[in-house]
């Protein structure tokens, strides 16, 4: 009887391993089909809840997308992409972020960005779910963001508009301003 049990366990273990392997291969093929711009280096992945950074425009007390000038962000409230938020979103509907504040501050914006000249502030946000990673740029594209906080005293330095140009070398304190003594304005609005 023991020999029969051992063969059954062995058979079950091998069948389970084959199913798991086939499922992983199938998932990898599916992800490869879903990445809209894989020839340009984007890789599909699923994120656990994680925190990223991005530079946003600050105008009239509102946080706005530097790129489209319309998308509004509110601390603590989710902002979702216009399409694909429940599945794999199109890349052009995603929000972009970086794993570090330094990378976000040195990021470049596309030439057609609407609020390139507006005051900027660095925002930390939470995201999770289906996303894309561009390993070469260290950038993530995500379908939904929940702003957590604005980093006080950080204002992004002027950014180049072409992704082909490297970010200009800046001293460490450039882009960081402190409001004058006694200034009672909202602390996240750039000076």
Protein backbone atom coordinates (compact mmCIF):
# COMPACT_ATOMS: atom_id res chain seq x y z
CA UNK A 1 0.00 0.00 0.00
CA UNK A 2 2.85 2.39 0.83
CA UNK A 3 4.35 1.94 -2.63
CA UNK A 4 1.02 2.83 -4.24
CA UNK A 5 0.72 5.97 -2.09
CA UNK A 6 4.26 6.99 -2.98
CA UNK A 7 3.54 6.57 -6.72
CA UNK A 8 0.31 8.58 -6.38
CA UNK A 9 2.08 11.43 -4.57
CA UNK A 10 4.89 11.41 -7.13
CA UNK A 11 2.40 11.42 -10.02
CA UNK A 12 0.39 14.26 -8.43
CA UNK A 13 3.53 16.33 -7.76
CA UNK A 14 4.74 15.95 -11.35
CA UNK A 15 1.31 16.79 -12.80
CA UNK A 16 1.06 19.86 -10.55
CA UNK A 17 4.54 21.04 -11.59
CA UNK A 18 3.61 20.69 -15.28
CA UNK A 19 0.38 22.67 -14.81
CA UNK A 20 2.18 25.46 -12.95
CA UNK A 21 4.89 25.61 -15.64
CA UNK A 22 2.33 25.74 -18.46
CA UNK A 23 0.34 28.44 -16.62
CA UNK A 24 3.47 30.56 -16.16
CA UNK A 25 4.42 30.17 -19.83
CA UNK A 26 0.89 31.04 -20.89
CA UNK A 27 0.85 34.12 -18.65
CA UNK A 28 4.20 35.28 -20.06
CA UNK A 29 2.86 34.92 -23.64
CA UNK A 30 -0.26 36.86 -22.67
CA UNK A 31 1.75 39.66 -21.06
CA UNK A 32 3.94 39.86 -24.17
CA UNK A 33 0.82 40.35 -26.30
CA UNK A 34 -0.60 43.00 -23.98
CA UNK A 35 2.38 45.34 -23.88
CA UNK A 36 1.42 48.02 -26.38
CA UNK A 37 4.95 49.27 -27.05
CA UNK A 38 7.21 46.33 -26.27
CA UNK A 39 9.50 47.11 -29.21
CA UNK A 40 10.44 50.36 -27.41
CA UNK A 41 11.41 48.61 -24.18
CA UNK A 42 8.19 48.51 -22.10
CA UNK A 43 7.60 45.41 -19.97
CA UNK A 44 4.22 44.47 -18.44
CA UNK A 45 4.08 43.65 -14.75
CA UNK A 46 1.72 43.61 -11.80
CA UNK A 47 2.66 45.87 -8.91
CA UNK A 48 2.01 45.23 -5.26
CA UNK A 49 1.09 48.48 -3.48
CA UNK A 50 4.13 50.69 -3.95
CA UNK A 51 5.11 54.33 -3.71
CA UNK A 52 6.47 56.34 -6.62
CA UNK A 53 7.31 59.98 -7.34
CA UNK A 54 6.35 62.40 -10.07
CA UNK A 55 6.64 66.11 -10.80
CA UNK A 56 3.30 67.90 -11.19
CA UNK A 57 2.31 71.48 -11.91
CA UNK A 58 0.95 73.62 -9.09
CA UNK A 59 -1.44 76.32 -10.28
CA UNK A 60 -3.97 78.31 -8.24
CA UNK A 61 -3.76 75.81 -5.38
CA UNK A 62 -4.43 72.80 -7.64
CA UNK A 63 -2.12 69.97 -8.60
CA UNK A 64 -2.28 69.37 -12.36
CA UNK A 65 -0.62 67.07 -14.83
CA UNK A 66 2.33 68.81 -16.45
CA UNK A 67 1.69 66.84 -19.64
CA UNK A 68 -2.02 67.42 -20.37
CA UNK A 69 -2.71 70.36 -18.07
CA UNK A 70 -6.14 68.92 -17.23
CA UNK A 71 -5.72 65.90 -14.99
CA UNK A 72 -6.16 66.98 -11.37
CA UNK A 73 -4.61 65.30 -8.37
CA UNK A 74 -5.89 65.52 -4.79
CA UNK A 75 -3.97 64.26 -1.78
CA UNK A 76 -5.53 61.02 -0.53
CA UNK A 77 -7.92 60.55 -3.49
CA UNK A 78 -7.47 58.07 -6.33
CA UNK A 79 -7.12 59.37 -9.86
CA UNK A 80 -7.73 56.70 -12.50
CA UNK A 81 -6.79 56.60 -16.17
CA UNK A 82 -9.44 57.54 -18.70
CA UNK A 83 -9.54 54.03 -20.12
CA UNK A 84 -8.32 50.59 -19.15
CA UNK A 85 -8.31 51.23 -15.39
CA UNK A 86 -9.84 47.81 -14.67
CA UNK A 87 -7.51 45.94 -17.03
CA UNK A 88 -4.29 46.60 -18.93
CA UNK A 89 -4.51 50.28 -19.81
CA UNK A 90 -3.28 51.74 -23.09
CA UNK A 91 0.15 53.25 -22.54
CA UNK A 92 -1.02 56.72 -23.59
CA UNK A 93 -3.66 56.72 -20.82
CA UNK A 94 -1.24 55.84 -18.01
CA UNK A 95 0.30 58.02 -15.32
CA UNK A 96 4.08 58.00 -15.18
CA UNK A 97 6.22 57.82 -12.08
CA UNK A 98 9.68 56.98 -10.83
CA UNK A 99 10.88 54.87 -7.90
CA UNK A 100 13.04 57.70 -6.51
CA UNK A 101 12.62 61.44 -6.01
CA UNK A 102 15.94 62.08 -7.77
CA UNK A 103 14.82 60.31 -10.93
CA UNK A 104 11.49 62.15 -10.91
CA UNK A 105 13.23 65.52 -10.54
CA UNK A 106 15.56 64.78 -13.44
CA UNK A 107 12.82 63.44 -15.74
CA UNK A 108 12.11 65.00 -19.13
CA UNK A 109 8.68 65.92 -20.44
CA UNK A 110 7.47 65.55 -24.03
CA UNK A 111 7.70 68.73 -26.15
CA UNK A 112 3.91 69.05 -26.39
CA UNK A 113 3.41 69.21 -22.61
CA UNK A 114 0.86 71.89 -21.72
CA UNK A 115 2.28 73.16 -18.42
CA UNK A 116 6.04 73.11 -19.02
CA UNK A 117 6.40 76.71 -17.80
CA UNK A 118 4.13 76.33 -14.74
CA UNK A 119 5.56 76.07 -11.20
CA UNK A 120 6.28 72.45 -10.30
CA UNK A 121 6.24 70.41 -7.12
CA UNK A 122 7.36 66.87 -6.34
CA UNK A 123 4.53 64.49 -5.40
CA UNK A 124 4.80 61.08 -3.77
CA UNK A 125 1.97 58.71 -4.71
CA UNK A 126 0.77 55.18 -4.15
CA UNK A 127 -0.16 52.78 -6.92
CA UNK A 128 -0.73 49.08 -7.52
CA UNK A 129 -2.04 46.67 -10.13
CA UNK A 130 -1.31 46.26 -13.80
CA UNK A 131 1.53 48.47 -14.95
CA UNK A 132 4.39 48.83 -17.40
CA UNK A 133 8.09 49.29 -16.69
CA UNK A 134 10.68 50.84 -18.98
CA UNK A 135 13.93 49.42 -17.55
CA UNK A 136 16.13 51.72 -19.62
CA UNK A 137 14.50 54.87 -18.26
CA UNK A 138 13.57 53.51 -14.83
CA UNK A 139 10.03 54.80 -15.44
CA UNK A 140 6.75 53.08 -14.58
CA UNK A 141 3.40 53.64 -16.31
CA UNK A 142 0.43 52.93 -14.04
CA UNK A 143 -3.39 53.09 -14.43
CA UNK A 144 -4.21 54.78 -11.11
CA UNK A 145 -2.49 56.99 -8.55
CA UNK A 146 -3.30 58.15 -5.03
CA UNK A 147 -1.21 61.15 -4.05
CA UNK A 148 0.16 60.73 -0.53
CA UNK A 149 2.09 63.94 0.02
CA UNK A 150 4.01 66.76 -1.53
CA UNK A 151 7.62 66.94 -0.56
CA UNK A 152 8.04 70.27 1.24
CA UNK A 153 10.50 72.74 -0.18
CA UNK A 154 11.02 70.83 -3.42
CA UNK A 155 10.41 72.49 -6.72
CA UNK A 156 11.56 70.77 -9.84
CA UNK A 157 14.28 72.60 -11.74
CA UNK A 158 13.55 73.54 -15.37
CA UNK A 159 13.44 70.35 -17.37
CA UNK A 160 14.59 69.66 -20.90
CA UNK A 161 11.78 68.83 -23.30
CA UNK A 162 13.40 66.14 -25.38
CA UNK A 163 13.88 62.61 -24.10
CA UNK A 164 16.99 62.48 -26.31
CA UNK A 165 18.75 65.22 -24.30
CA UNK A 166 20.22 64.37 -20.90
CA UNK A 167 18.97 66.35 -17.92
CA UNK A 168 21.24 69.32 -17.20
CA UNK A 169 23.71 68.98 -14.36
CA UNK A 170 22.40 70.95 -11.38
CA UNK A 171 23.91 71.64 -7.97
CA UNK A 172 22.16 69.72 -5.18
CA UNK A 173 20.32 72.75 -3.81
CA UNK A 174 18.93 74.02 -7.14
CA UNK A 175 15.19 73.60 -7.27
CA UNK A 176 14.78 73.73 -3.50
CA UNK A 177 13.37 76.95 -2.16
CA UNK A 178 12.16 77.90 1.26
CA UNK A 179 9.44 80.50 1.72
CA UNK A 180 10.44 83.80 3.33
CA UNK A 181 10.02 84.09 7.10
CA UNK A 182 6.42 84.76 8.09
CA UNK A 183 4.99 83.57 4.73
CA UNK A 184 1.65 81.97 5.56
CA UNK A 185 0.79 80.63 2.12
CA UNK A 186 -0.03 77.01 1.63
CA UNK A 187 3.32 75.21 2.16
CA UNK A 188 3.05 73.09 -0.98
CA UNK A 189 2.53 75.97 -3.36
CA UNK A 190 5.93 76.79 -4.89
CA UNK A 191 7.45 80.16 -4.06
